[in-house]
Amino acid sequence: MRVKEVEGGFILRLEKGEELIASLAELMKERDIGSGAVTGLGAVDRARLGCYLLEEQDYSAREFEGDLEIVGLTGTLSWYDGEPFPHVHLMLTDRDFGAAGGHCFEARVSATIELVVRTYEDRIERRRDESIGLHLMEL
């Protein structure tokens, strides 16, 4: 992961083989990021995405492999139980221009991922909301 600090945050370039969510968590720890927002684009060769099923209070997940282009990446950075909590959603396209998107559990870089991370000093924590089964930001 290559990182450049800029006004209001960081520009990142992830390299082949790196994992998106783990890289963001590492950045949060190393740079003591309280909270933030992330956007980006790039390419992955493997990703696991999910869709939250409210009635079941669980994710339906699916793995994707192959040449996959990230056409949308957006997320938030916060903390849960003392650990970084990058919450990222991805939209991917394949060689046939078929698209799939959802909550990103993991994504491995195939060529590169370029990220813009806007950071804030205020630490945002998450707490589990038992009524819906998600870890929500405490604001």
N, C-alpha and C. Protein backbone atom coordinates (compact mmCIF):
# COMPACT_ATOMS: atom_id res chain seq x y z
N MET A 1 0.86 -1.17 0.00
CA MET A 1 0.00 0.00 0.00
C MET A 1 0.91 1.24 0.00
N ARG A 2 0.63 2.10 -0.95
CA ARG A 2 1.34 3.37 -1.01
C ARG A 2 0.37 4.46 -0.54
N VAL A 3 0.88 5.35 0.31
CA VAL A 3 0.03 6.35 0.95
C VAL A 3 0.65 7.73 0.80
N LYS A 4 -0.17 8.69 0.42
CA LYS A 4 0.26 10.09 0.41
C LYS A 4 -0.73 10.88 1.24
N GLU A 5 -0.20 11.58 2.24
CA GLU A 5 -1.06 12.43 3.06
C GLU A 5 -1.34 13.71 2.29
N VAL A 6 -2.61 14.09 2.24
CA VAL A 6 -3.04 15.31 1.56
C VAL A 6 -3.94 16.08 2.52
N GLU A 7 -4.25 17.31 2.17
CA GLU A 7 -5.12 18.11 3.02
C GLU A 7 -6.45 17.38 3.23
N GLY A 8 -6.79 17.12 4.48
CA GLY A 8 -8.07 16.49 4.80
C GLY A 8 -8.08 14.98 4.73
N GLY A 9 -6.92 14.35 4.47
CA GLY A 9 -6.93 12.89 4.41
C GLY A 9 -5.74 12.29 3.70
N PHE A 10 -6.04 11.25 2.90
CA PHE A 10 -4.98 10.48 2.25
C PHE A 10 -5.42 10.05 0.85
N ILE A 11 -4.43 9.86 -0.01
CA ILE A 11 -4.61 9.19 -1.28
C ILE A 11 -3.85 7.88 -1.15
N LEU A 12 -4.50 6.77 -1.52
CA LEU A 12 -3.87 5.46 -1.41
C LEU A 12 -3.83 4.77 -2.76
N ARG A 13 -2.79 3.99 -2.95
CA ARG A 13 -2.73 3.09 -4.09
C ARG A 13 -2.43 1.70 -3.56
N LEU A 14 -3.40 0.81 -3.69
CA LEU A 14 -3.19 -0.57 -3.30
C LEU A 14 -2.59 -1.32 -4.49
N GLU A 15 -1.76 -2.30 -4.18
CA GLU A 15 -1.04 -3.02 -5.21
C GLU A 15 -1.51 -4.47 -5.30
N LYS A 16 -1.15 -5.09 -6.40
CA LYS A 16 -1.55 -6.47 -6.70
C LYS A 16 -1.37 -7.38 -5.49
N GLY A 17 -2.44 -8.12 -5.17
CA GLY A 17 -2.41 -9.08 -4.08
C GLY A 17 -2.86 -8.54 -2.74
N GLU A 18 -2.91 -7.22 -2.59
CA GLU A 18 -3.35 -6.65 -1.31
C GLU A 18 -4.86 -6.78 -1.17
N GLU A 19 -5.31 -6.77 0.07
CA GLU A 19 -6.73 -6.92 0.36
C GLU A 19 -7.29 -5.58 0.79
N LEU A 20 -8.40 -5.19 0.20
CA LEU A 20 -8.99 -3.86 0.40
C LEU A 20 -9.34 -3.57 1.85
N ILE A 21 -10.17 -4.37 2.47
CA ILE A 21 -10.67 -4.08 3.82
C ILE A 21 -9.53 -4.12 4.83
N ALA A 22 -8.65 -5.10 4.72
CA ALA A 22 -7.50 -5.20 5.62
C ALA A 22 -6.58 -3.99 5.47
N SER A 23 -6.40 -3.51 4.26
CA SER A 23 -5.55 -2.34 4.02
C SER A 23 -6.14 -1.09 4.65
N LEU A 24 -7.45 -0.92 4.54
CA LEU A 24 -8.09 0.24 5.17
C LEU A 24 -8.00 0.16 6.69
N ALA A 25 -8.18 -1.04 7.25
CA ALA A 25 -8.06 -1.21 8.70
C ALA A 25 -6.63 -0.90 9.16
N GLU A 26 -5.65 -1.33 8.40
CA GLU A 26 -4.25 -1.05 8.71
C GLU A 26 -3.98 0.46 8.70
N LEU A 27 -4.49 1.14 7.68
CA LEU A 27 -4.33 2.59 7.59
C LEU A 27 -4.94 3.27 8.82
N MET A 28 -6.14 2.84 9.22
CA MET A 28 -6.81 3.44 10.36
C MET A 28 -5.98 3.31 11.64
N LYS A 29 -5.39 2.13 11.83
CA LYS A 29 -4.57 1.91 13.02
C LYS A 29 -3.28 2.72 12.96
N GLU A 30 -2.58 2.63 11.83
CA GLU A 30 -1.28 3.29 11.70
C GLU A 30 -1.37 4.81 11.79
N ARG A 31 -2.44 5.37 11.23
CA ARG A 31 -2.57 6.83 11.18
C ARG A 31 -3.54 7.38 12.23
N ASP A 32 -4.01 6.51 13.10
CA ASP A 32 -4.91 6.89 14.19
C ASP A 32 -6.10 7.70 13.66
N ILE A 33 -6.79 7.13 12.70
CA ILE A 33 -7.94 7.78 12.07
C ILE A 33 -9.17 7.54 12.94
N GLY A 34 -9.82 8.60 13.38
CA GLY A 34 -11.00 8.49 14.22
C GLY A 34 -12.23 8.07 13.45
N SER A 35 -12.38 8.63 12.25
CA SER A 35 -13.49 8.28 11.37
C SER A 35 -13.17 8.84 9.99
N GLY A 36 -13.99 8.45 9.02
CA GLY A 36 -13.71 8.96 7.68
C GLY A 36 -14.67 8.42 6.64
N ALA A 37 -14.36 8.80 5.40
CA ALA A 37 -15.13 8.36 4.24
C ALA A 37 -14.14 7.97 3.17
N VAL A 38 -14.51 6.98 2.36
CA VAL A 38 -13.61 6.48 1.32
C VAL A 38 -14.36 6.32 0.01
N THR A 39 -13.70 6.68 -1.08
CA THR A 39 -14.20 6.42 -2.43
C THR A 39 -13.04 5.88 -3.25
N GLY A 40 -13.36 5.20 -4.34
CA GLY A 40 -12.27 4.67 -5.14
C GLY A 40 -12.72 3.93 -6.36
N LEU A 41 -11.69 3.41 -7.06
CA LEU A 41 -11.89 2.61 -8.27
C LEU A 41 -10.69 1.72 -8.45
N GLY A 42 -10.76 0.80 -9.39
CA GLY A 42 -9.64 -0.10 -9.62
C GLY A 42 -10.09 -1.43 -10.16
N ALA A 43 -9.32 -2.48 -9.85
CA ALA A 43 -9.61 -3.81 -10.37
C ALA A 43 -9.26 -4.87 -9.33
N VAL A 44 -10.08 -5.91 -9.27
CA VAL A 44 -9.85 -7.02 -8.36
C VAL A 44 -10.00 -8.33 -9.13
N ASP A 45 -9.42 -9.40 -8.57
CA ASP A 45 -9.60 -10.72 -9.19
C ASP A 45 -10.41 -11.67 -8.31
N ARG A 46 -10.72 -11.19 -7.11
CA ARG A 46 -11.58 -11.97 -6.22
C ARG A 46 -12.26 -11.01 -5.26
N ALA A 47 -13.55 -11.24 -5.02
CA ALA A 47 -14.29 -10.41 -4.06
C ALA A 47 -15.41 -11.24 -3.47
N ARG A 48 -15.74 -10.93 -2.22
CA ARG A 48 -16.91 -11.52 -1.58
C ARG A 48 -17.81 -10.38 -1.18
N LEU A 49 -19.02 -10.37 -1.76
CA LEU A 49 -20.00 -9.31 -1.54
C LEU A 49 -21.23 -9.88 -0.87
N GLY A 50 -21.98 -9.01 -0.19
CA GLY A 50 -23.18 -9.46 0.48
C GLY A 50 -24.32 -8.48 0.36
N CYS A 51 -25.50 -9.01 0.60
CA CYS A 51 -26.73 -8.22 0.67
C CYS A 51 -27.37 -8.55 2.02
N TYR A 52 -27.66 -7.53 2.82
CA TYR A 52 -28.22 -7.76 4.15
C TYR A 52 -29.71 -8.07 4.05
N LEU A 53 -30.09 -9.18 4.66
CA LEU A 53 -31.49 -9.61 4.69
C LEU A 53 -32.05 -9.28 6.07
N LEU A 54 -32.82 -8.21 6.13
CA LEU A 54 -33.28 -7.68 7.41
C LEU A 54 -34.08 -8.70 8.21
N GLU A 55 -35.00 -9.40 7.56
CA GLU A 55 -35.84 -10.34 8.28
C GLU A 55 -35.01 -11.47 8.91
N GLU A 56 -33.96 -11.89 8.22
CA GLU A 56 -33.10 -12.96 8.73
C GLU A 56 -31.97 -12.43 9.60
N GLN A 57 -31.76 -11.11 9.57
CA GLN A 57 -30.66 -10.46 10.28
C GLN A 57 -29.33 -11.13 9.96
N ASP A 58 -29.12 -11.34 8.67
CA ASP A 58 -27.88 -11.97 8.20
C ASP A 58 -27.67 -11.59 6.74
N TYR A 59 -26.44 -11.78 6.29
CA TYR A 59 -26.10 -11.47 4.90
C TYR A 59 -26.25 -12.70 4.02
N SER A 60 -26.72 -12.45 2.82
CA SER A 60 -26.60 -13.42 1.74
C SER A 60 -25.32 -13.02 1.03
N ALA A 61 -24.36 -13.93 0.94
CA ALA A 61 -23.05 -13.58 0.38
C ALA A 61 -22.75 -14.40 -0.86
N ARG A 62 -21.92 -13.81 -1.72
CA ARG A 62 -21.51 -14.49 -2.95
C ARG A 62 -20.08 -14.10 -3.26
N GLU A 63 -19.33 -15.08 -3.79
CA GLU A 63 -17.95 -14.83 -4.19
C GLU A 63 -17.89 -14.62 -5.69
N PHE A 64 -17.01 -13.72 -6.10
CA PHE A 64 -16.79 -13.41 -7.51
C PHE A 64 -15.30 -13.57 -7.80
N GLU A 65 -14.98 -14.16 -8.95
CA GLU A 65 -13.59 -14.33 -9.36
C GLU A 65 -13.45 -14.00 -10.83
N GLY A 66 -12.24 -13.59 -11.21
CA GLY A 66 -11.96 -13.27 -12.60
C GLY A 66 -11.52 -11.83 -12.73
N ASP A 67 -11.53 -11.34 -13.96
CA ASP A 67 -11.18 -9.95 -14.22
C ASP A 67 -12.38 -9.08 -13.89
N LEU A 68 -12.30 -8.35 -12.78
CA LEU A 68 -13.41 -7.55 -12.29
C LEU A 68 -12.98 -6.10 -12.12
N GLU A 69 -13.73 -5.21 -12.74
CA GLU A 69 -13.45 -3.78 -12.68
C GLU A 69 -14.33 -3.16 -11.58
N ILE A 70 -13.73 -2.35 -10.72
CA ILE A 70 -14.50 -1.62 -9.72
C ILE A 70 -15.00 -0.34 -10.37
N VAL A 71 -16.30 -0.24 -10.54
CA VAL A 71 -16.88 0.97 -11.13
C VAL A 71 -17.49 1.87 -10.06
N GLY A 72 -17.54 1.37 -8.85
CA GLY A 72 -18.02 2.17 -7.73
C GLY A 72 -17.51 1.58 -6.43
N LEU A 73 -16.94 2.43 -5.58
CA LEU A 73 -16.47 2.03 -4.27
C LEU A 73 -16.74 3.21 -3.35
N THR A 74 -17.52 2.97 -2.33
CA THR A 74 -17.84 4.02 -1.37
C THR A 74 -17.94 3.40 0.02
N GLY A 75 -17.58 4.17 1.03
CA GLY A 75 -17.67 3.61 2.36
C GLY A 75 -17.39 4.61 3.46
N THR A 76 -17.48 4.10 4.69
CA THR A 76 -17.21 4.89 5.87
C THR A 76 -16.17 4.16 6.72
N LEU A 77 -15.48 4.93 7.56
CA LEU A 77 -14.48 4.38 8.47
C LEU A 77 -14.90 4.73 9.88
N SER A 78 -15.01 3.73 10.72
CA SER A 78 -15.38 3.93 12.11
C SER A 78 -14.77 2.79 12.91
N TRP A 79 -15.20 2.63 14.16
CA TRP A 79 -14.61 1.64 15.07
C TRP A 79 -15.71 0.81 15.72
N TYR A 80 -15.41 -0.47 15.95
CA TYR A 80 -16.32 -1.35 16.68
C TYR A 80 -15.51 -2.21 17.64
N ASP A 81 -15.85 -2.15 18.91
CA ASP A 81 -15.20 -2.98 19.93
C ASP A 81 -13.68 -2.82 19.91
N GLY A 82 -13.22 -1.57 19.73
CA GLY A 82 -11.80 -1.26 19.76
C GLY A 82 -11.02 -1.57 18.50
N GLU A 83 -11.71 -2.03 17.45
CA GLU A 83 -11.06 -2.38 16.19
C GLU A 83 -11.59 -1.52 15.05
N PRO A 84 -10.74 -1.26 14.04
CA PRO A 84 -11.20 -0.52 12.87
C PRO A 84 -12.37 -1.23 12.20
N PHE A 85 -13.30 -0.44 11.68
CA PHE A 85 -14.49 -0.98 11.02
C PHE A 85 -14.68 -0.25 9.68
N PRO A 86 -13.90 -0.65 8.65
CA PRO A 86 -14.16 -0.09 7.32
C PRO A 86 -15.45 -0.70 6.78
N HIS A 87 -16.40 0.12 6.45
CA HIS A 87 -17.69 -0.33 5.91
C HIS A 87 -17.74 0.12 4.45
N VAL A 88 -17.56 -0.83 3.55
CA VAL A 88 -17.39 -0.51 2.13
C VAL A 88 -18.42 -1.25 1.29
N HIS A 89 -18.95 -0.54 0.29
CA HIS A 89 -19.80 -1.15 -0.73
C HIS A 89 -19.09 -1.04 -2.07
N LEU A 90 -19.20 -2.10 -2.87
CA LEU A 90 -18.55 -2.15 -4.18
C LEU A 90 -19.57 -2.42 -5.27
N MET A 91 -19.31 -1.87 -6.46
CA MET A 91 -20.01 -2.24 -7.68
C MET A 91 -18.94 -2.74 -8.64
N LEU A 92 -19.10 -3.97 -9.11
CA LEU A 92 -18.12 -4.61 -9.99
C LEU A 92 -18.74 -4.91 -11.34
N THR A 93 -17.91 -4.88 -12.40
CA THR A 93 -18.33 -5.36 -13.71
C THR A 93 -17.33 -6.40 -14.19
N ASP A 94 -17.81 -7.33 -15.02
CA ASP A 94 -16.94 -8.36 -15.57
C ASP A 94 -16.69 -8.09 -17.05
N ARG A 95 -16.00 -9.02 -17.72
CA ARG A 95 -15.63 -8.82 -19.13
C ARG A 95 -16.83 -8.71 -20.05
N ASP A 96 -17.97 -9.22 -19.63
CA ASP A 96 -19.20 -9.12 -20.43
C ASP A 96 -20.04 -7.92 -20.02
N PHE A 97 -19.50 -7.09 -19.15
CA PHE A 97 -20.15 -5.89 -18.64
C PHE A 97 -21.36 -6.19 -17.77
N GLY A 98 -21.39 -7.43 -17.25
CA GLY A 98 -22.39 -7.77 -16.24
C GLY A 98 -21.97 -7.12 -14.93
N ALA A 99 -22.91 -6.65 -14.17
CA ALA A 99 -22.60 -5.92 -12.94
C ALA A 99 -23.16 -6.62 -11.71
N ALA A 100 -22.45 -6.49 -10.61
CA ALA A 100 -22.90 -6.99 -9.32
C ALA A 100 -22.36 -6.04 -8.26
N GLY A 101 -23.12 -5.88 -7.20
CA GLY A 101 -22.66 -4.98 -6.15
C GLY A 101 -23.20 -5.39 -4.80
N GLY A 102 -22.62 -4.80 -3.76
CA GLY A 102 -23.10 -5.05 -2.42
C GLY A 102 -22.07 -4.70 -1.38
N HIS A 103 -22.35 -5.12 -0.15
CA HIS A 103 -21.44 -4.94 0.97
C HIS A 103 -20.17 -5.74 0.71
N CYS A 104 -19.02 -5.12 0.87
CA CYS A 104 -17.75 -5.80 0.61
C CYS A 104 -17.19 -6.42 1.88
N PHE A 105 -17.11 -7.75 1.88
CA PHE A 105 -16.45 -8.46 2.98
C PHE A 105 -14.95 -8.52 2.73
N GLU A 106 -14.57 -8.73 1.48
CA GLU A 106 -13.16 -8.74 1.10
C GLU A 106 -13.05 -8.58 -0.41
N ALA A 107 -11.90 -8.04 -0.84
CA ALA A 107 -11.63 -7.87 -2.26
C ALA A 107 -10.12 -7.83 -2.45
N ARG A 108 -9.61 -8.69 -3.34
CA ARG A 108 -8.17 -8.77 -3.59
C ARG A 108 -7.81 -8.02 -4.86
N VAL A 109 -6.83 -7.14 -4.75
CA VAL A 109 -6.39 -6.31 -5.87
C VAL A 109 -5.75 -7.17 -6.94
N SER A 110 -6.17 -6.95 -8.20
CA SER A 110 -5.53 -7.64 -9.33
C SER A 110 -4.52 -6.74 -10.02
N ALA A 111 -4.83 -5.49 -10.21
CA ALA A 111 -3.91 -4.54 -10.84
C ALA A 111 -3.60 -3.41 -9.86
N THR A 112 -4.62 -2.65 -9.50
CA THR A 112 -4.48 -1.59 -8.52
C THR A 112 -5.86 -1.17 -8.03
N ILE A 113 -5.90 -0.56 -6.89
CA ILE A 113 -7.08 0.17 -6.42
C ILE A 113 -6.58 1.54 -5.98
N GLU A 114 -7.24 2.58 -6.46
CA GLU A 114 -6.92 3.95 -6.08
C GLU A 114 -8.03 4.46 -5.16
N LEU A 115 -7.64 4.98 -4.01
CA LEU A 115 -8.60 5.40 -3.00
C LEU A 115 -8.36 6.83 -2.56
N VAL A 116 -9.44 7.53 -2.30
CA VAL A 116 -9.39 8.84 -1.66
C VAL A 116 -10.06 8.65 -0.30
N VAL A 117 -9.31 8.95 0.76
CA VAL A 117 -9.81 8.78 2.12
C VAL A 117 -9.87 10.15 2.78
N ARG A 118 -11.06 10.57 3.12
CA ARG A 118 -11.30 11.82 3.86
C ARG A 118 -11.35 11.43 5.32
N THR A 119 -10.55 12.08 6.17
CA THR A 119 -10.49 11.69 7.57
C THR A 119 -10.98 12.79 8.49
N TYR A 120 -11.40 12.32 9.69
CA TYR A 120 -11.88 13.20 10.74
C TYR A 120 -11.25 12.76 12.05
N GLU A 121 -10.94 13.72 12.92
CA GLU A 121 -10.34 13.40 14.22
C GLU A 121 -11.33 12.71 15.15
N ASP A 122 -12.60 13.13 15.09
CA ASP A 122 -13.60 12.56 15.99
C ASP A 122 -13.73 11.06 15.75
N ARG A 123 -13.59 10.31 16.82
CA ARG A 123 -13.70 8.85 16.72
C ARG A 123 -15.18 8.47 16.76
N ILE A 124 -15.60 7.78 15.74
CA ILE A 124 -16.98 7.29 15.66
C ILE A 124 -16.97 5.80 16.01
N GLU A 125 -17.73 5.44 17.02
CA GLU A 125 -17.86 4.05 17.44
C GLU A 125 -19.16 3.47 16.90
N ARG A 126 -19.19 2.18 16.80
CA ARG A 126 -20.40 1.46 16.41
C ARG A 126 -20.89 0.61 17.57
N ARG A 127 -22.19 0.41 17.60
CA ARG A 127 -22.81 -0.43 18.62
C ARG A 127 -23.86 -1.30 17.93
N ARG A 128 -23.93 -2.54 18.36
CA ARG A 128 -24.89 -3.45 17.74
C ARG A 128 -26.31 -3.05 18.12
N ASP A 129 -27.15 -2.92 17.10
CA ASP A 129 -28.57 -2.66 17.28
C ASP A 129 -29.28 -4.00 17.18
N GLU A 130 -29.74 -4.51 18.30
CA GLU A 130 -30.34 -5.85 18.34
C GLU A 130 -31.63 -5.94 17.53
N SER A 131 -32.32 -4.83 17.34
CA SER A 131 -33.59 -4.90 16.62
C SER A 131 -33.40 -5.15 15.13
N ILE A 132 -32.26 -4.76 14.58
CA ILE A 132 -32.01 -5.03 13.15
C ILE A 132 -30.78 -5.89 12.91
N GLY A 133 -29.97 -6.10 13.95
CA GLY A 133 -28.83 -7.00 13.84
C GLY A 133 -27.58 -6.42 13.21
N LEU A 134 -27.50 -5.09 13.12
CA LEU A 134 -26.32 -4.46 12.51
C LEU A 134 -25.57 -3.63 13.54
N HIS A 135 -24.29 -3.38 13.24
CA HIS A 135 -23.46 -2.50 14.06
C HIS A 135 -23.60 -1.09 13.50
N LEU A 136 -24.36 -0.25 14.19
CA LEU A 136 -24.64 1.09 13.70
C LEU A 136 -23.74 2.12 14.36
N MET A 137 -23.48 3.21 13.62
CA MET A 137 -22.68 4.30 14.16
C MET A 137 -23.43 4.98 15.29
N GLU A 138 -22.71 5.27 16.36
CA GLU A 138 -23.28 6.04 17.46
C GLU A 138 -22.98 7.51 17.19
N LEU A 139 -24.01 8.28 16.90
CA LEU A 139 -23.84 9.70 16.56
C LEU A 139 -24.57 10.56 17.57
